[in-house]
N, C-alpha and C. Protein backbone atom coordinates (compact mmCIF):
# COMPACT_ATOMS: atom_id res chain seq x y z
N MET A 1 31.02 134.31 -103.83
CA MET A 1 31.87 133.24 -103.34
C MET A 1 32.39 132.47 -104.54
N THR A 2 33.66 132.17 -104.55
CA THR A 2 34.27 131.45 -105.66
C THR A 2 34.39 129.99 -105.31
N PRO A 3 34.20 129.09 -106.31
CA PRO A 3 34.31 127.66 -106.03
C PRO A 3 35.76 127.27 -105.72
N ILE A 4 35.89 126.23 -104.95
CA ILE A 4 37.22 125.73 -104.59
C ILE A 4 37.67 124.79 -105.70
N HIS A 5 38.84 125.02 -106.26
CA HIS A 5 39.36 124.20 -107.35
C HIS A 5 40.31 123.16 -106.80
N SER A 6 40.16 121.95 -107.28
CA SER A 6 41.11 120.89 -106.95
C SER A 6 41.47 120.18 -108.25
N ARG A 7 42.70 120.28 -108.65
CA ARG A 7 43.22 119.69 -109.87
C ARG A 7 42.45 120.15 -111.11
N GLY A 8 42.09 121.38 -111.18
CA GLY A 8 41.48 121.94 -112.36
C GLY A 8 39.97 121.76 -112.45
N ARG A 9 39.31 121.16 -111.49
CA ARG A 9 37.87 120.97 -111.52
C ARG A 9 37.23 121.63 -110.33
N CYS A 10 36.01 122.01 -110.50
CA CYS A 10 35.25 122.56 -109.37
C CYS A 10 34.85 121.44 -108.44
N SER A 11 34.74 121.72 -107.20
CA SER A 11 34.37 120.68 -106.24
C SER A 11 32.96 120.17 -106.46
N SER A 12 32.12 120.95 -107.13
CA SER A 12 30.75 120.49 -107.38
C SER A 12 30.68 119.49 -108.53
N GLU A 13 31.76 119.28 -109.29
CA GLU A 13 31.78 118.36 -110.43
C GLU A 13 32.53 117.07 -110.12
N ARG A 14 32.92 116.84 -108.90
CA ARG A 14 33.77 115.70 -108.56
C ARG A 14 33.10 114.36 -108.82
N GLY A 15 31.83 114.22 -108.56
CA GLY A 15 31.15 112.93 -108.73
C GLY A 15 30.37 112.82 -110.03
N ALA A 16 30.49 113.79 -110.91
CA ALA A 16 29.71 113.80 -112.15
C ALA A 16 30.07 112.63 -113.06
N ALA A 17 31.34 112.30 -113.15
CA ALA A 17 31.76 111.20 -114.01
C ALA A 17 31.21 109.87 -113.52
N ALA A 18 31.21 109.67 -112.22
CA ALA A 18 30.67 108.43 -111.66
C ALA A 18 29.17 108.32 -111.90
N VAL A 19 28.46 109.42 -111.77
CA VAL A 19 27.02 109.41 -112.02
C VAL A 19 26.74 109.15 -113.49
N GLU A 20 27.49 109.79 -114.37
CA GLU A 20 27.30 109.57 -115.81
C GLU A 20 27.59 108.12 -116.18
N LEU A 21 28.64 107.54 -115.62
CA LEU A 21 28.95 106.14 -115.87
C LEU A 21 27.83 105.24 -115.37
N ALA A 22 27.30 105.53 -114.19
CA ALA A 22 26.22 104.72 -113.64
C ALA A 22 24.96 104.79 -114.50
N LEU A 23 24.74 105.90 -115.16
CA LEU A 23 23.57 106.04 -116.02
C LEU A 23 23.77 105.38 -117.39
N VAL A 24 24.96 105.44 -117.94
CA VAL A 24 25.22 104.96 -119.29
C VAL A 24 25.61 103.48 -119.33
N LEU A 25 26.25 102.98 -118.29
CA LEU A 25 26.76 101.61 -118.29
C LEU A 25 25.68 100.55 -118.51
N PRO A 26 24.52 100.58 -117.85
CA PRO A 26 23.50 99.56 -118.13
C PRO A 26 23.04 99.55 -119.59
N ILE A 27 22.92 100.72 -120.18
CA ILE A 27 22.52 100.79 -121.59
C ILE A 27 23.60 100.19 -122.48
N LEU A 28 24.84 100.50 -122.20
CA LEU A 28 25.95 99.97 -122.98
C LEU A 28 26.08 98.46 -122.84
N VAL A 29 25.94 97.94 -121.63
CA VAL A 29 26.02 96.49 -121.40
C VAL A 29 24.87 95.79 -122.12
N THR A 30 23.67 96.34 -122.06
CA THR A 30 22.52 95.75 -122.75
C THR A 30 22.76 95.73 -124.25
N LEU A 31 23.29 96.80 -124.78
CA LEU A 31 23.56 96.87 -126.21
C LEU A 31 24.61 95.86 -126.64
N VAL A 32 25.68 95.73 -125.89
CA VAL A 32 26.75 94.79 -126.23
C VAL A 32 26.24 93.35 -126.16
N PHE A 33 25.53 93.00 -125.09
CA PHE A 33 25.00 91.64 -124.98
C PHE A 33 23.92 91.37 -126.03
N GLY A 34 23.16 92.38 -126.40
CA GLY A 34 22.17 92.21 -127.46
C GLY A 34 22.83 91.90 -128.79
N ILE A 35 23.93 92.56 -129.08
CA ILE A 35 24.67 92.29 -130.32
C ILE A 35 25.23 90.88 -130.30
N ILE A 36 25.75 90.46 -129.17
CA ILE A 36 26.30 89.10 -129.05
C ILE A 36 25.20 88.06 -129.24
N GLN A 37 24.05 88.26 -128.60
CA GLN A 37 22.96 87.29 -128.73
C GLN A 37 22.38 87.28 -130.14
N PHE A 38 22.32 88.43 -130.80
CA PHE A 38 21.87 88.47 -132.19
C PHE A 38 22.82 87.66 -133.07
N GLY A 39 24.10 87.78 -132.85
CA GLY A 39 25.08 87.00 -133.60
C GLY A 39 24.93 85.51 -133.38
N ARG A 40 24.68 85.12 -132.14
CA ARG A 40 24.45 83.70 -131.84
C ARG A 40 23.21 83.19 -132.56
N GLY A 41 22.14 83.98 -132.52
CA GLY A 41 20.90 83.58 -133.17
C GLY A 41 21.04 83.49 -134.68
N TYR A 42 21.74 84.44 -135.27
CA TYR A 42 21.96 84.44 -136.71
C TYR A 42 22.80 83.23 -137.12
N ASN A 43 23.81 82.90 -136.35
CA ASN A 43 24.63 81.73 -136.62
C ASN A 43 23.80 80.45 -136.54
N ALA A 44 22.93 80.36 -135.53
CA ALA A 44 22.07 79.18 -135.41
C ALA A 44 21.09 79.09 -136.57
N GLN A 45 20.54 80.22 -137.03
CA GLN A 45 19.62 80.21 -138.17
C GLN A 45 20.32 79.75 -139.44
N ILE A 46 21.55 80.16 -139.64
CA ILE A 46 22.32 79.71 -140.81
C ILE A 46 22.55 78.21 -140.74
N SER A 47 22.83 77.68 -139.56
CA SER A 47 23.03 76.24 -139.40
C SER A 47 21.75 75.47 -139.66
N VAL A 48 20.62 75.98 -139.20
CA VAL A 48 19.33 75.32 -139.43
C VAL A 48 19.00 75.33 -140.92
N THR A 49 19.28 76.42 -141.61
CA THR A 49 19.05 76.50 -143.05
C THR A 49 19.93 75.50 -143.80
N SER A 50 21.16 75.39 -143.40
CA SER A 50 22.07 74.42 -144.00
C SER A 50 21.61 72.99 -143.76
N ALA A 51 21.11 72.73 -142.57
CA ALA A 51 20.61 71.39 -142.25
C ALA A 51 19.41 71.02 -143.11
N ALA A 52 18.47 71.95 -143.30
CA ALA A 52 17.30 71.68 -144.13
C ALA A 52 17.70 71.44 -145.58
N ARG A 53 18.64 72.22 -146.07
CA ARG A 53 19.09 72.06 -147.45
C ARG A 53 19.77 70.71 -147.66
N GLU A 54 20.60 70.30 -146.71
CA GLU A 54 21.28 69.01 -146.84
C GLU A 54 20.31 67.83 -146.73
N ALA A 55 19.30 67.94 -145.88
CA ALA A 55 18.30 66.88 -145.78
C ALA A 55 17.51 66.76 -147.07
N ALA A 56 17.15 67.88 -147.67
CA ALA A 56 16.42 67.85 -148.94
C ALA A 56 17.30 67.28 -150.05
N ARG A 57 18.56 67.65 -150.06
CA ARG A 57 19.48 67.12 -151.07
C ARG A 57 19.63 65.61 -150.96
N GLU A 58 19.72 65.11 -149.73
CA GLU A 58 19.89 63.68 -149.51
C GLU A 58 18.67 62.89 -150.01
N ILE A 59 17.47 63.40 -149.73
CA ILE A 59 16.25 62.73 -150.21
C ILE A 59 16.15 62.85 -151.73
N ALA A 60 16.50 64.00 -152.29
CA ALA A 60 16.40 64.22 -153.73
C ALA A 60 17.35 63.33 -154.52
N THR A 61 18.46 62.94 -153.93
CA THR A 61 19.41 62.07 -154.62
C THR A 61 19.18 60.60 -154.32
N GLY A 62 18.04 60.28 -153.72
CA GLY A 62 17.68 58.87 -153.51
C GLY A 62 18.02 58.32 -152.15
N GLY A 63 18.34 59.15 -151.20
CA GLY A 63 18.68 58.68 -149.86
C GLY A 63 17.45 58.35 -149.03
N THR A 64 17.68 57.74 -147.90
CA THR A 64 16.60 57.39 -146.98
C THR A 64 16.36 58.53 -146.01
N PRO A 65 15.19 58.55 -145.35
CA PRO A 65 14.96 59.59 -144.34
C PRO A 65 15.98 59.57 -143.21
N ALA A 66 16.43 58.38 -142.82
CA ALA A 66 17.45 58.30 -141.77
C ALA A 66 18.76 58.92 -142.23
N ALA A 67 19.13 58.67 -143.48
CA ALA A 67 20.35 59.26 -144.02
C ALA A 67 20.20 60.78 -144.15
N ALA A 68 18.99 61.24 -144.48
CA ALA A 68 18.74 62.68 -144.59
C ALA A 68 18.87 63.37 -143.23
N ARG A 69 18.36 62.73 -142.19
CA ARG A 69 18.48 63.30 -140.84
C ARG A 69 19.94 63.34 -140.39
N LEU A 70 20.67 62.30 -140.73
CA LEU A 70 22.10 62.25 -140.39
C LEU A 70 22.86 63.34 -141.15
N ALA A 71 22.56 63.53 -142.41
CA ALA A 71 23.22 64.58 -143.20
C ALA A 71 22.87 65.96 -142.65
N ALA A 72 21.64 66.14 -142.21
CA ALA A 72 21.22 67.43 -141.64
C ALA A 72 21.97 67.71 -140.35
N ARG A 73 22.10 66.72 -139.50
CA ARG A 73 22.80 66.92 -138.23
C ARG A 73 24.29 67.18 -138.44
N SER A 74 24.88 66.54 -139.44
CA SER A 74 26.29 66.81 -139.68
C SER A 74 26.51 68.17 -140.34
N ALA A 75 25.51 68.67 -141.08
CA ALA A 75 25.63 70.00 -141.69
C ALA A 75 25.48 71.11 -140.65
N ALA A 76 24.73 70.84 -139.61
CA ALA A 76 24.51 71.84 -138.55
C ALA A 76 25.52 71.62 -137.44
N ASP A 77 26.78 71.88 -137.73
CA ASP A 77 27.83 71.57 -136.77
C ASP A 77 28.04 72.63 -135.70
N THR A 78 27.41 73.80 -135.83
CA THR A 78 27.61 74.85 -134.83
C THR A 78 26.51 74.88 -133.77
N ILE A 79 25.52 74.01 -133.89
CA ILE A 79 24.44 73.95 -132.89
C ILE A 79 24.40 72.55 -132.29
N VAL A 80 23.62 72.38 -131.24
CA VAL A 80 23.48 71.08 -130.60
C VAL A 80 22.65 70.19 -131.51
N ALA A 81 23.28 69.18 -132.09
CA ALA A 81 22.61 68.35 -133.09
C ALA A 81 21.45 67.56 -132.50
N GLY A 82 21.51 67.22 -131.22
CA GLY A 82 20.43 66.46 -130.61
C GLY A 82 19.14 67.24 -130.50
N ALA A 83 19.21 68.56 -130.47
CA ALA A 83 18.01 69.39 -130.36
C ALA A 83 17.41 69.73 -131.72
N LEU A 84 18.11 69.42 -132.79
CA LEU A 84 17.64 69.72 -134.14
C LEU A 84 16.57 68.71 -134.55
N THR A 85 15.44 69.21 -135.03
CA THR A 85 14.35 68.35 -135.51
C THR A 85 14.25 68.51 -137.02
N VAL A 86 14.30 67.39 -137.73
CA VAL A 86 14.24 67.41 -139.19
C VAL A 86 13.11 66.51 -139.64
N SER A 87 12.22 67.06 -140.48
CA SER A 87 11.16 66.24 -141.06
C SER A 87 11.33 66.22 -142.57
N VAL A 88 11.34 65.00 -143.10
CA VAL A 88 11.52 64.79 -144.54
C VAL A 88 10.49 63.78 -145.02
N PRO A 89 10.11 63.84 -146.29
CA PRO A 89 9.21 62.81 -146.82
C PRO A 89 9.94 61.48 -146.96
N ALA A 90 9.18 60.42 -147.07
CA ALA A 90 9.77 59.09 -147.14
C ALA A 90 10.48 58.84 -148.47
N SER A 91 9.95 59.39 -149.54
CA SER A 91 10.57 59.16 -150.84
C SER A 91 10.32 60.35 -151.75
N CYS A 92 10.85 60.25 -152.96
CA CYS A 92 10.78 61.35 -153.89
C CYS A 92 10.65 60.78 -155.30
N THR A 93 9.67 61.23 -156.06
CA THR A 93 9.52 60.78 -157.44
C THR A 93 10.31 61.70 -158.36
N PRO A 94 10.99 61.14 -159.36
CA PRO A 94 11.81 61.96 -160.26
C PRO A 94 10.99 63.04 -160.96
N GLY A 95 11.55 64.23 -160.99
CA GLY A 95 10.90 65.36 -161.63
C GLY A 95 10.09 66.23 -160.68
N SER A 96 9.75 65.72 -159.51
CA SER A 96 9.00 66.52 -158.54
C SER A 96 9.97 67.17 -157.55
N SER A 97 9.44 67.97 -156.68
CA SER A 97 10.27 68.63 -155.67
C SER A 97 10.06 67.99 -154.30
N VAL A 98 11.07 68.02 -153.50
CA VAL A 98 10.99 67.53 -152.13
C VAL A 98 11.36 68.68 -151.20
N THR A 99 10.66 68.76 -150.07
CA THR A 99 10.92 69.82 -149.10
C THR A 99 11.22 69.19 -147.74
N ALA A 100 12.30 69.63 -147.15
CA ALA A 100 12.67 69.20 -145.80
C ALA A 100 12.54 70.41 -144.88
N VAL A 101 12.05 70.16 -143.67
CA VAL A 101 11.86 71.22 -142.69
C VAL A 101 12.73 70.91 -141.47
N ALA A 102 13.53 71.87 -141.09
CA ALA A 102 14.39 71.72 -139.90
C ALA A 102 14.01 72.80 -138.90
N SER A 103 13.96 72.43 -137.63
CA SER A 103 13.66 73.41 -136.57
C SER A 103 14.58 73.17 -135.39
N TYR A 104 14.83 74.26 -134.66
CA TYR A 104 15.78 74.22 -133.56
C TYR A 104 15.33 75.20 -132.48
N PRO A 105 15.25 74.75 -131.23
CA PRO A 105 14.89 75.68 -130.15
C PRO A 105 16.09 76.54 -129.77
N PHE A 106 15.87 77.83 -129.71
CA PHE A 106 16.95 78.77 -129.40
C PHE A 106 16.50 79.68 -128.27
N THR A 107 17.38 79.92 -127.32
CA THR A 107 17.08 80.80 -126.19
C THR A 107 18.14 81.89 -126.12
N TYR A 108 17.70 83.12 -126.03
CA TYR A 108 18.65 84.20 -125.83
C TYR A 108 18.39 84.87 -124.49
N ASP A 109 19.44 85.41 -123.92
CA ASP A 109 19.37 86.05 -122.61
C ASP A 109 20.17 87.35 -122.66
N ILE A 110 19.46 88.45 -122.47
CA ILE A 110 20.09 89.77 -122.50
C ILE A 110 19.88 90.42 -121.14
N PRO A 111 20.95 90.88 -120.49
CA PRO A 111 20.79 91.54 -119.19
C PRO A 111 19.85 92.74 -119.28
N PHE A 112 19.05 92.93 -118.28
CA PHE A 112 18.07 94.01 -118.14
C PHE A 112 16.88 93.87 -119.10
N VAL A 113 16.93 92.91 -120.02
CA VAL A 113 15.81 92.67 -120.94
C VAL A 113 15.13 91.36 -120.59
N GLY A 114 15.93 90.33 -120.35
CA GLY A 114 15.39 89.04 -119.96
C GLY A 114 15.76 87.93 -120.92
N GLN A 115 15.14 86.81 -120.69
CA GLN A 115 15.40 85.60 -121.45
C GLN A 115 14.17 85.27 -122.27
N ARG A 116 14.38 84.81 -123.49
CA ARG A 116 13.26 84.46 -124.35
C ARG A 116 13.63 83.24 -125.18
N ALA A 117 12.70 82.31 -125.27
CA ALA A 117 12.91 81.11 -126.08
C ALA A 117 12.08 81.23 -127.35
N LEU A 118 12.69 80.83 -128.45
CA LEU A 118 11.98 80.81 -129.72
C LEU A 118 12.46 79.63 -130.54
N THR A 119 11.71 79.31 -131.58
CA THR A 119 12.06 78.19 -132.44
C THR A 119 12.49 78.72 -133.80
N LEU A 120 13.69 78.36 -134.20
CA LEU A 120 14.20 78.73 -135.51
C LEU A 120 13.81 77.63 -136.49
N THR A 121 13.19 78.00 -137.59
CA THR A 121 12.71 77.03 -138.57
C THR A 121 13.19 77.42 -139.96
N SER A 122 13.51 76.41 -140.76
CA SER A 122 13.92 76.65 -142.13
C SER A 122 13.45 75.52 -143.01
N ARG A 123 13.21 75.84 -144.27
CA ARG A 123 12.80 74.84 -145.27
C ARG A 123 13.85 74.77 -146.36
N GLY A 124 14.12 73.54 -146.78
CA GLY A 124 15.01 73.33 -147.91
C GLY A 124 14.26 72.55 -148.97
N SER A 125 14.37 72.97 -150.20
CA SER A 125 13.64 72.33 -151.29
C SER A 125 14.60 72.00 -152.43
N MET A 126 14.46 70.79 -152.98
CA MET A 126 15.30 70.34 -154.10
C MET A 126 14.43 69.57 -155.09
N ARG A 127 14.87 69.59 -156.32
CA ARG A 127 14.19 68.82 -157.36
C ARG A 127 14.74 67.39 -157.33
N CYS A 128 13.85 66.44 -157.37
CA CYS A 128 14.25 65.03 -157.29
C CYS A 128 14.91 64.59 -158.60
N GLY A 129 16.01 63.86 -158.45
CA GLY A 129 16.73 63.35 -159.60
C GLY A 129 16.19 62.00 -160.02
N GLY A 130 16.57 61.56 -161.16
CA GLY A 130 16.03 60.28 -161.62
C GLY A 130 16.99 59.48 -162.30
């Protein structure tokens, strides 16, 4: 018995493309959203690093902790500044180093994988001027 041809395909292959799409599409969507979420997380980590560096610079040049926190929040312009936590020492003696720590809660959500919250943390260190 010969298969019945319709538009160049066998009748037994008519739904193969739909089945293949149904099998591959969830993997492709997960991969695309994973790449997008990785990019968001990387951008947030760069902002947190910039915030820590600016807070350390502000303290190292003789600024106050309040001014250091303000400088950190203005440096982290791509994330929600209210959620950024910055800890800096109260003062800095000339010739020593000062370290500022910035942290930011980040949540990513990938279809078929789920949602996960993590904290992005960075340290900035500068030598105190005199």
